[in-house]
């Protein structure tokens, strides 16, 4: 084939009775042309632009859509994805510190997890974990919350006019929902931070029908405390302290509208001082 100035020329053996040309170009419809190469011929072929009708694209924003469709006021939803985009203290993602950054919420002492909503007291907030009331959602005198970010699915905070099924508090409702676990395959994730380490494992019990998730978190300051205290004078000894959390959940799907789940939480703080007589 010879190309000169955008024109194409090629030779065809005389014994070929017919020859089919296939002409294609990006953005144009393909064209097939059958010729009989009995003598030298010149062809001028035009390609038609290819048009394709795309489906309609509708761009919406979740918060504004909720305001239009629902009459519930003073609510805000925080997903697990948004938790990962917010800076964390010492590498520890804390849902209660994320709540402190929302409108209408004030913090207590610097660095602590306590929050005050629209002038209410800290003890006037109803905090739920999978619909179970959490009475003391804090570790280490309030500097860390009891909620492991790896197992949180959604968090909904009601700052005013909360639904009637939530009772017993005057200021706000914080509803934390745990993940159900992967229904299709086994998996795990973990992390090592300056304060604590964590690990989560999940997977199906019966594929596409039931699942489980298990997550744990523990600090390890107590492991280094003896080594540090050897370098300190007796009147400046560090206390023996650690905390840990264990979360577990099993989920069973009955049908499209019904499911059963069982979830549990266990946590502990240990603080000990050694006094020499």
C-alpha atoms as a PDB file:
ATOM      1  CA  UNK A   1       0.000   0.000   0.000  1.00  0.00           C
ATOM      2  CA  UNK A   2       1.224   3.475  -0.870  1.00  0.00           C
ATOM      3  CA  UNK A   3       0.079   6.608   1.012  1.00  0.00           C
ATOM      4  CA  UNK A   4       0.652   9.964  -0.661  1.00  0.00           C
ATOM      5  CA  UNK A   5      -0.888  13.223   0.617  1.00  0.00           C
ATOM      6  CA  UNK A   6      -3.721  11.408   2.369  1.00  0.00           C
ATOM      7  CA  UNK A   7      -4.543   9.241  -0.648  1.00  0.00           C
ATOM      8  CA  UNK A   8      -4.232   5.466  -0.526  1.00  0.00           C
ATOM      9  CA  UNK A   9      -3.104   3.270  -3.408  1.00  0.00           C
ATOM     10  CA  UNK A  10      -2.535  -0.484  -3.391  1.00  0.00           C
ATOM     11  CA  UNK A  11      -2.162  -3.281  -5.917  1.00  0.00           C
ATOM     12  CA  UNK A  12      -4.440  -6.294  -6.130  1.00  0.00           C
ATOM     13  CA  UNK A  13      -3.600  -9.599  -7.879  1.00  0.00           C
ATOM     14  CA  UNK A  14      -5.551 -10.032 -11.113  1.00  0.00           C
ATOM     15  CA  UNK A  15      -6.802 -13.463 -10.107  1.00  0.00           C
ATOM     16  CA  UNK A  16      -8.912 -11.949  -7.281  1.00  0.00           C
ATOM     17  CA  UNK A  17     -12.530 -11.822  -8.523  1.00  0.00           C
ATOM     18  CA  UNK A  18     -13.808  -9.574  -5.718  1.00  0.00           C
ATOM     19  CA  UNK A  19     -12.251  -7.588  -2.942  1.00  0.00           C
ATOM     20  CA  UNK A  20     -13.998  -6.192   0.140  1.00  0.00           C
ATOM     21  CA  UNK A  21     -12.648  -2.987   1.638  1.00  0.00           C
ATOM     22  CA  UNK A  22     -13.346  -2.209   5.306  1.00  0.00           C
ATOM     23  CA  UNK A  23     -12.808   1.475   6.158  1.00  0.00           C
ATOM     24  CA  UNK A  24     -12.905   2.569   9.813  1.00  0.00           C
ATOM     25  CA  UNK A  25     -12.028   5.720  11.713  1.00  0.00           C
ATOM     26  CA  UNK A  26     -12.595   6.812  15.305  1.00  0.00           C
ATOM     27  CA  UNK A  27     -15.798   8.828  15.628  1.00  0.00           C
ATOM     28  CA  UNK A  28     -17.208   7.687  12.269  1.00  0.00           C
ATOM     29  CA  UNK A  29     -19.363   4.777  11.133  1.00  0.00           C
ATOM     30  CA  UNK A  30     -17.552   1.841   9.547  1.00  0.00           C
ATOM     31  CA  UNK A  31     -17.934   1.350   5.792  1.00  0.00           C
ATOM     32  CA  UNK A  32     -17.597  -1.782   3.686  1.00  0.00           C
ATOM     33  CA  UNK A  33     -17.172  -1.604  -0.074  1.00  0.00           C
ATOM     34  CA  UNK A  34     -16.922  -4.536  -2.481  1.00  0.00           C
ATOM     35  CA  UNK A  35     -14.977  -3.954  -5.698  1.00  0.00           C
ATOM     36  CA  UNK A  36     -14.041  -6.046  -8.702  1.00  0.00           C
ATOM     37  CA  UNK A  37     -10.365  -5.401  -9.448  1.00  0.00           C
ATOM     38  CA  UNK A  38     -10.475  -5.948 -13.235  1.00  0.00           C
ATOM     39  CA  UNK A  39      -8.773  -2.672 -14.028  1.00  0.00           C
ATOM     40  CA  UNK A  40      -7.334   0.384 -12.355  1.00  0.00           C
ATOM     41  CA  UNK A  41     -10.105   2.282 -10.573  1.00  0.00           C
ATOM     42  CA  UNK A  42     -10.346   5.346  -8.369  1.00  0.00           C
ATOM     43  CA  UNK A  43     -12.851   5.478  -5.528  1.00  0.00           C
ATOM     44  CA  UNK A  44     -13.983   8.390  -3.340  1.00  0.00           C
ATOM     45  CA  UNK A  45     -15.614   7.137  -0.122  1.00  0.00           C
ATOM     46  CA  UNK A  46     -17.218   9.346   2.522  1.00  0.00           C
ATOM     47  CA  UNK A  47     -17.594   8.290   6.160  1.00  0.00           C
ATOM     48  CA  UNK A  48     -20.558   9.534   8.155  1.00  0.00           C
ATOM     49  CA  UNK A  49     -20.027  10.791  11.732  1.00  0.00           C
ATOM     50  CA  UNK A  50     -21.144   8.266  14.322  1.00  0.00           C
ATOM     51  CA  UNK A  51     -23.706   9.522  16.821  1.00  0.00           C
ATOM     52  CA  UNK A  52     -24.602   7.786  20.073  1.00  0.00           C
ATOM     53  CA  UNK A  53     -27.361   8.759  22.479  1.00  0.00           C
ATOM     54  CA  UNK A  54     -26.194   8.658  26.100  1.00  0.00           C
ATOM     55  CA  UNK A  55     -28.434   7.916  29.050  1.00  0.00           C
ATOM     56  CA  UNK A  56     -29.559  10.812  31.209  1.00  0.00           C
ATOM     57  CA  UNK A  57     -27.208  11.671  34.092  1.00  0.00           C
ATOM     58  CA  UNK A  58     -28.732  13.153  37.235  1.00  0.00           C
ATOM     59  CA  UNK A  59     -26.356  14.671  39.807  1.00  0.00           C
ATOM     60  CA  UNK A  60     -27.743  14.941  43.329  1.00  0.00           C
ATOM     61  CA  UNK A  61     -26.305  15.703  46.754  1.00  0.00           C
ATOM     62  CA  UNK A  62     -27.288  13.389  49.594  1.00  0.00           C
ATOM     63  CA  UNK A  63     -27.760  16.015  52.307  1.00  0.00           C
ATOM     64  CA  UNK A  64     -29.935  18.298  50.173  1.00  0.00           C
ATOM     65  CA  UNK A  65     -31.978  15.322  48.977  1.00  0.00           C
ATOM     66  CA  UNK A  66     -32.724  14.356  52.578  1.00  0.00           C
ATOM     67  CA  UNK A  67     -33.849  17.892  53.348  1.00  0.00           C
ATOM     68  CA  UNK A  68     -36.281  17.790  50.434  1.00  0.00           C
ATOM     69  CA  UNK A  69     -37.714  14.310  51.029  1.00  0.00           C
ATOM     70  CA  UNK A  70     -37.850  14.336  54.847  1.00  0.00           C
ATOM     71  CA  UNK A  71     -39.259  16.703  57.428  1.00  0.00           C
ATOM     72  CA  UNK A  72     -36.731  15.590  60.064  1.00  0.00           C
ATOM     73  CA  UNK A  73     -34.666  18.583  61.151  1.00  0.00           C
ATOM     74  CA  UNK A  74     -31.297  18.853  62.846  1.00  0.00           C
ATOM     75  CA  UNK A  75     -29.906  15.489  61.732  1.00  0.00           C
ATOM     76  CA  UNK A  76     -26.576  14.583  60.178  1.00  0.00           C
ATOM     77  CA  UNK A  77     -25.309  11.251  58.830  1.00  0.00           C
ATOM     78  CA  UNK A  78     -21.652  10.246  58.913  1.00  0.00           C
ATOM     79  CA  UNK A  79     -20.545   7.222  56.896  1.00  0.00           C
ATOM     80  CA  UNK A  80     -17.463   5.038  57.306  1.00  0.00           C
ATOM     81  CA  UNK A  81     -15.968   6.570  54.147  1.00  0.00           C
ATOM     82  CA  UNK A  82     -16.179  10.105  55.508  1.00  0.00           C
ATOM     83  CA  UNK A  83     -14.453   9.006  58.722  1.00  0.00           C
ATOM     84  CA  UNK A  84     -11.292   8.203  56.765  1.00  0.00           C
ATOM     85  CA  UNK A  85     -11.069  11.722  55.322  1.00  0.00           C
ATOM     86  CA  UNK A  86     -10.936  13.512  58.686  1.00  0.00           C
ATOM     87  CA  UNK A  87      -7.597  14.057  60.491  1.00  0.00           C
ATOM     88  CA  UNK A  88      -7.077  11.757  63.472  1.00  0.00           C
ATOM     89  CA  UNK A  89      -5.255  12.423  66.728  1.00  0.00           C
ATOM     90  CA  UNK A  90      -2.230  10.109  67.115  1.00  0.00           C
ATOM     91  CA  UNK A  91      -3.533   8.155  64.121  1.00  0.00           C
ATOM     92  CA  UNK A  92      -6.691   7.096  65.990  1.00  0.00           C
ATOM     93  CA  UNK A  93      -9.929   7.809  64.118  1.00  0.00           C
ATOM     94  CA  UNK A  94     -12.532   8.745  66.735  1.00  0.00           C
ATOM     95  CA  UNK A  95     -16.211   9.113  65.828  1.00  0.00           C
ATOM     96  CA  UNK A  96     -16.926  11.290  68.872  1.00  0.00           C
ATOM     97  CA  UNK A  97     -14.234  13.768  67.845  1.00  0.00           C
ATOM     98  CA  UNK A  98     -15.776  13.841  64.357  1.00  0.00           C
ATOM     99  CA  UNK A  99     -19.133  14.684  65.948  1.00  0.00           C
ATOM    100  CA  UNK A 100     -17.458  17.597  67.743  1.00  0.00           C
ATOM    101  CA  UNK A 101     -16.663  19.158  64.354  1.00  0.00           C
ATOM    102  CA  UNK A 102     -20.316  19.335  63.253  1.00  0.00           C
ATOM    103  CA  UNK A 103     -22.529  22.403  63.558  1.00  0.00           C
ATOM    104  CA  UNK A 104     -24.309  22.934  66.849  1.00  0.00           C
ATOM    105  CA  UNK A 105     -21.878  20.767  68.837  1.00  0.00           C
ATOM    106  CA  UNK A 106     -19.344  22.082  71.331  1.00  0.00           C
ATOM    107  CA  UNK A 107     -16.399  20.273  72.898  1.00  0.00           C
ATOM    108  CA  UNK A 108     -15.610  19.861  76.564  1.00  0.00           C
ATOM    109  CA  UNK A 109     -12.049  19.813  77.836  1.00  0.00           C
ATOM    110  CA  UNK A 110      -9.335  20.032  75.187  1.00  0.00           C
ATOM    111  CA  UNK A 111      -8.679  16.662  73.541  1.00  0.00           C
ATOM    112  CA  UNK A 112     -11.515  14.792  75.254  1.00  0.00           C
ATOM    113  CA  UNK A 113     -14.392  12.980  73.530  1.00  0.00           C
ATOM    114  CA  UNK A 114     -17.239  14.593  75.446  1.00  0.00           C
ATOM    115  CA  UNK A 115     -19.625  16.824  73.477  1.00  0.00           C
ATOM    116  CA  UNK A 116     -22.383  19.287  74.239  1.00  0.00           C
ATOM    117  CA  UNK A 117     -25.258  19.890  71.817  1.00  0.00           C
ATOM    118  CA  UNK A 118     -26.995  23.266  71.676  1.00  0.00           C
ATOM    119  CA  UNK A 119     -26.260  24.122  75.302  1.00  0.00           C
ATOM    120  CA  UNK A 120     -27.223  20.739  76.761  1.00  0.00           C
ATOM    121  CA  UNK A 121     -25.142  18.757  79.217  1.00  0.00           C
ATOM    122  CA  UNK A 122     -22.819  15.901  78.381  1.00  0.00           C
ATOM    123  CA  UNK A 123     -25.021  13.444  80.298  1.00  0.00           C
ATOM    124  CA  UNK A 124     -28.082  14.546  78.320  1.00  0.00           C
ATOM    125  CA  UNK A 125     -26.894  12.807  75.113  1.00  0.00           C
ATOM    126  CA  UNK A 126     -28.347   9.391  74.308  1.00  0.00           C
ATOM    127  CA  UNK A 127     -25.613   7.249  72.720  1.00  0.00           C
ATOM    128  CA  UNK A 128     -26.602   3.977  71.043  1.00  0.00           C
ATOM    129  CA  UNK A 129     -24.571   1.144  69.533  1.00  0.00           C
ATOM    130  CA  UNK A 130     -26.817  -1.064  67.393  1.00  0.00           C
ATOM    131  CA  UNK A 131     -29.829   0.190  69.390  1.00  0.00           C
ATOM    132  CA  UNK A 132     -28.189  -0.653  72.753  1.00  0.00           C
ATOM    133  CA  UNK A 133     -27.523   2.231  75.150  1.00  0.00           C
ATOM    134  CA  UNK A 134     -23.867   2.988  75.876  1.00  0.00           C
ATOM    135  CA  UNK A 135     -23.588   4.683  79.271  1.00  0.00           C
ATOM    136  CA  UNK A 136     -19.832   5.314  79.331  1.00  0.00           C
ATOM    137  CA  UNK A 137     -18.535   5.689  75.762  1.00  0.00           C
ATOM    138  CA  UNK A 138     -15.005   6.758  76.738  1.00  0.00           C
ATOM    139  CA  UNK A 139     -11.536   5.428  77.521  1.00  0.00           C
ATOM    140  CA  UNK A 140      -8.621   7.049  79.365  1.00  0.00           C
ATOM    141  CA  UNK A 141     -10.631   9.723  81.174  1.00  0.00           C
ATOM    142  CA  UNK A 142     -12.434  10.754  77.984  1.00  0.00           C
ATOM    143  CA  UNK A 143      -9.509  11.114  75.606  1.00  0.00           C
ATOM    144  CA  UNK A 144     -10.625   8.150  73.462  1.00  0.00           C
ATOM    145  CA  UNK A 145     -14.065   6.779  72.645  1.00  0.00           C
ATOM    146  CA  UNK A 146     -15.139   3.154  72.922  1.00  0.00           C
ATOM    147  CA  UNK A 147     -16.097   3.007  69.240  1.00  0.00           C
ATOM    148  CA  UNK A 148     -13.636   1.206  66.972  1.00  0.00           C
ATOM    149  CA  UNK A 149     -13.768   3.019  63.614  1.00  0.00           C
ATOM    150  CA  UNK A 150     -13.056  -0.196  61.656  1.00  0.00           C
ATOM    151  CA  UNK A 151     -16.431  -1.686  62.579  1.00  0.00           C
ATOM    152  CA  UNK A 152     -18.615   1.422  62.193  1.00  0.00           C
ATOM    153  CA  UNK A 153     -20.993   1.448  59.219  1.00  0.00           C
ATOM    154  CA  UNK A 154     -23.081   4.601  59.717  1.00  0.00           C
ATOM    155  CA  UNK A 155     -23.535   7.195  62.422  1.00  0.00           C
ATOM    156  CA  UNK A 156     -26.622   9.373  62.737  1.00  0.00           C
ATOM    157  CA  UNK A 157     -26.790  12.306  65.130  1.00  0.00           C
ATOM    158  CA  UNK A 158     -30.080  13.995  65.990  1.00  0.00           C
ATOM    159  CA  UNK A 159     -29.404  17.458  67.373  1.00  0.00           C
ATOM    160  CA  UNK A 160     -33.019  18.518  67.779  1.00  0.00           C
ATOM    161  CA  UNK A 161     -36.540  17.175  67.262  1.00  0.00           C
ATOM    162  CA  UNK A 162     -35.417  13.530  67.398  1.00  0.00           C
ATOM    163  CA  UNK A 163     -37.957  10.754  66.700  1.00  0.00           C
ATOM    164  CA  UNK A 164     -40.271   9.504  69.431  1.00  0.00           C
ATOM    165  CA  UNK A 165     -38.656   6.057  69.689  1.00  0.00           C
ATOM    166  CA  UNK A 166     -35.588   7.693  71.232  1.00  0.00           C
ATOM    167  CA  UNK A 167     -36.288   8.600  74.820  1.00  0.00           C
ATOM    168  CA  UNK A 168     -34.529   9.180  78.095  1.00  0.00           C
ATOM    169  CA  UNK A 169     -32.354  12.154  77.096  1.00  0.00           C
ATOM    170  CA  UNK A 170     -32.956  15.857  76.566  1.00  0.00           C
ATOM    171  CA  UNK A 171     -30.125  17.110  74.353  1.00  0.00           C
ATOM    172  CA  UNK A 172     -29.331  14.790  71.414  1.00  0.00           C
ATOM    173  CA  UNK A 173     -29.237  11.234  70.111  1.00  0.00           C
ATOM    174  CA  UNK A 174     -26.133   9.584  68.626  1.00  0.00           C
ATOM    175  CA  UNK A 175     -27.026   6.335  66.844  1.00  0.00           C
ATOM    176  CA  UNK A 176     -23.969   4.251  65.840  1.00  0.00           C
ATOM    177  CA  UNK A 177     -24.508   1.233  63.572  1.00  0.00           C
ATOM    178  CA  UNK A 178     -21.992  -1.584  63.209  1.00  0.00           C
ATOM    179  CA  UNK A 179     -21.106  -3.294  59.931  1.00  0.00           C
ATOM    180  CA  UNK A 180     -22.772  -6.630  59.174  1.00  0.00           C
ATOM    181  CA  UNK A 181     -19.767  -8.409  57.664  1.00  0.00           C
ATOM    182  CA  UNK A 182     -19.014  -9.562  54.129  1.00  0.00           C
ATOM    183  CA  UNK A 183     -21.618 -11.991  52.742  1.00  0.00           C
ATOM    184  CA  UNK A 184     -19.468 -13.200  49.838  1.00  0.00           C
ATOM    185  CA  UNK A 185     -15.851 -13.722  50.911  1.00  0.00           C
ATOM    186  CA  UNK A 186     -13.517 -13.698  53.887  1.00  0.00           C
ATOM    187  CA  UNK A 187     -11.337 -10.688  54.544  1.00  0.00           C
ATOM    188  CA  UNK A 188      -9.540  -8.731  57.189  1.00  0.00           C
ATOM    189  CA  UNK A 189      -7.932  -5.402  57.922  1.00  0.00           C
ATOM    190  CA  UNK A 190      -5.845  -3.912  60.673  1.00  0.00           C
ATOM    191  CA  UNK A 191      -3.527  -1.129  61.671  1.00  0.00           C
ATOM    192  CA  UNK A 192      -0.715  -0.220  64.026  1.00  0.00           C
ATOM    193  CA  UNK A 193      -0.758   3.253  65.591  1.00  0.00           C
ATOM    194  CA  UNK A 194       1.142   5.200  68.196  1.00  0.00           C
ATOM    195  CA  UNK A 195      -1.466   4.462  70.853  1.00  0.00           C
ATOM    196  CA  UNK A 196      -3.076   1.154  69.894  1.00  0.00           C
ATOM    197  CA  UNK A 197      -3.293  -1.612  67.320  1.00  0.00           C
ATOM    198  CA  UNK A 198      -6.438  -3.097  65.857  1.00  0.00           C
ATOM    199  CA  UNK A 199      -7.522  -6.013  63.707  1.00  0.00           C
ATOM    200  CA  UNK A 200     -10.824  -6.919  62.045  1.00  0.00           C
ATOM    201  CA  UNK A 201     -11.870 -10.175  60.370  1.00  0.00           C
ATOM    202  CA  UNK A 202     -15.141 -10.816  58.551  1.00  0.00           C
ATOM    203  CA  UNK A 203     -16.723 -13.292  56.174  1.00  0.00           C
ATOM    204  CA  UNK A 204     -19.776 -15.374  55.288  1.00  0.00           C
ATOM    205  CA  UNK A 205     -21.218 -18.107  57.499  1.00  0.00           C
ATOM    206  CA  UNK A 206     -23.568 -19.149  54.692  1.00  0.00           C
ATOM    207  CA  UNK A 207     -22.721 -17.390  51.454  1.00  0.00           C
ATOM    208  CA  UNK A 208     -25.159 -14.602  50.520  1.00  0.00           C
ATOM    209  CA  UNK A 209     -27.308 -15.514  53.532  1.00  0.00           C
ATOM    210  CA  UNK A 210     -25.430 -14.956  56.784  1.00  0.00           C
ATOM    211  CA  UNK A 211     -22.173 -13.324  57.858  1.00  0.00           C
ATOM    212  CA  UNK A 212     -20.030 -12.392  60.843  1.00  0.00           C
ATOM    213  CA  UNK A 213     -17.553  -9.679  61.791  1.00  0.00           C
ATOM    214  CA  UNK A 214     -15.130  -9.590  64.709  1.00  0.00           C
ATOM    215  CA  UNK A 215     -12.972  -6.628  65.633  1.00  0.00           C
ATOM    216  CA  UNK A 216     -10.539  -5.922  68.444  1.00  0.00           C
ATOM    217  CA  UNK A 217      -8.409  -2.979  69.570  1.00  0.00           C
ATOM    218  CA  UNK A 218      -5.811  -2.709  72.332  1.00  0.00           C
ATOM    219  CA  UNK A 219      -3.311  -0.177  73.609  1.00  0.00           C
ATOM    220  CA  UNK A 220       0.187  -1.307  74.476  1.00  0.00           C
ATOM    221  CA  UNK A 221       1.557   1.436  76.719  1.00  0.00           C
ATOM    222  CA  UNK A 222       1.644  -1.065  79.602  1.00  0.00           C
ATOM    223  CA  UNK A 223       4.112  -3.217  77.644  1.00  0.00           C
ATOM    224  CA  UNK A 224       6.674  -0.388  77.592  1.00  0.00           C
ATOM    225  CA  UNK A 225       5.834   1.049  81.014  1.00  0.00           C
ATOM    226  CA  UNK A 226       8.414  -1.096  82.960  1.00  0.00           C
ATOM    227  CA  UNK A 227      11.172  -0.103  80.555  1.00  0.00           C
ATOM    228  CA  UNK A 228      10.288   3.608  80.799  1.00  0.00           C
ATOM    229  CA  UNK A 229       9.997   3.544  84.585  1.00  0.00           C
ATOM    230  CA  UNK A 230      13.528   2.191  84.936  1.00  0.00           C
ATOM    231  CA  UNK A 231      14.772   5.459  83.465  1.00  0.00           C
ATOM    232  CA  UNK A 232      12.589   7.676  85.690  1.00  0.00           C
ATOM    233  CA  UNK A 233      12.980   8.632  89.360  1.00  0.00           C
ATOM    234  CA  UNK A 234      10.666   6.993  91.883  1.00  0.00           C
ATOM    235  CA  UNK A 235       8.505  10.090  92.324  1.00  0.00           C
ATOM    236  CA  UNK A 236       7.862  10.316  88.544  1.00  0.00           C
ATOM    237  CA  UNK A 237       6.877   6.720  87.799  1.00  0.00           C
ATOM    238  CA  UNK A 238       4.257   6.172  85.078  1.00  0.00           C
ATOM    239  CA  UNK A 239       1.082   4.286  86.020  1.00  0.00           C
ATOM    240  CA  UNK A 240       0.256   0.892  84.576  1.00  0.00           C
ATOM    241  CA  UNK A 241      -2.576   1.556  82.094  1.00  0.00           C
ATOM    242  CA  UNK A 242      -4.179  -0.043  79.066  1.00  0.00           C
ATOM    243  CA  UNK A 243      -7.614  -0.444  77.488  1.00  0.00           C
ATOM    244  CA  UNK A 244      -9.110  -2.761  74.905  1.00  0.00           C
ATOM    245  CA  UNK A 245     -12.332  -3.171  72.917  1.00  0.00           C
ATOM    246  CA  UNK A 246     -13.964  -6.242  71.397  1.00  0.00           C
ATOM    247  CA  UNK A 247     -16.852  -5.974  68.919  1.00  0.00           C
ATOM    248  CA  UNK A 248     -18.711  -8.855  67.307  1.00  0.00           C
ATOM    249  CA  UNK A 249     -21.776  -9.145  65.109  1.00  0.00           C
ATOM    250  CA  UNK A 250     -23.622 -11.938  63.303  1.00  0.00           C
ATOM    251  CA  UNK A 251     -26.151 -11.214  60.596  1.00  0.00           C
ATOM    252  CA  UNK A 252     -28.754 -13.512  58.994  1.00  0.00           C
ATOM    253  CA  UNK A 253     -30.958 -12.481  56.057  1.00  0.00           C
ATOM    254  CA  UNK A 254     -34.444 -14.018  56.133  1.00  0.00           C
ATOM    255  CA  UNK A 255     -35.775 -12.252  53.032  1.00  0.00           C
ATOM    256  CA  UNK A 256     -35.578  -8.871  51.321  1.00  0.00           C
ATOM    257  CA  UNK A 257     -37.481  -7.136  54.107  1.00  0.00           C
ATOM    258  CA  UNK A 258     -36.441  -9.046  57.217  1.00  0.00           C
ATOM    259  CA  UNK A 259     -33.163  -9.969  58.855  1.00  0.00           C
ATOM    260  CA  UNK A 260     -31.843 -10.997  62.264  1.00  0.00           C
ATOM    261  CA  UNK A 261     -28.612  -9.776  63.781  1.00  0.00           C
ATOM    262  CA  UNK A 262     -26.871 -10.247  67.105  1.00  0.00           C
ATOM    263  CA  UNK A 263     -24.152  -7.818  68.154  1.00  0.00           C
ATOM    264  CA  UNK A 264     -22.042  -7.430  71.237  1.00  0.00           C
ATOM    265  CA  UNK A 265     -19.395  -5.191  72.765  1.00  0.00           C
ATOM    266  CA  UNK A 266     -16.937  -5.698  75.589  1.00  0.00           C
ATOM    267  CA  UNK A 267     -14.343  -3.232  76.780  1.00  0.00           C
ATOM    268  CA  UNK A 268     -12.063  -2.694  79.727  1.00  0.00           C
ATOM    269  CA  UNK A 269      -9.807  -0.016  81.199  1.00  0.00           C
ATOM    270  CA  UNK A 270      -7.066  -0.883  83.672  1.00  0.00           C
ATOM    271  CA  UNK A 271      -5.217   1.786  85.626  1.00  0.00           C
ATOM    272  CA  UNK A 272      -2.869   0.878  88.461  1.00  0.00           C
ATOM    273  CA  UNK A 273      -0.430   2.868  90.590  1.00  0.00           C
ATOM    274  CA  UNK A 274       2.428   1.327  92.527  1.00  0.00           C
ATOM    275  CA  UNK A 275       3.214   2.913  95.872  1.00  0.00           C
ATOM    276  CA  UNK A 276       6.344   1.976  97.780  1.00  0.00           C
ATOM    277  CA  UNK A 277       5.927   1.882 101.564  1.00  0.00           C
END
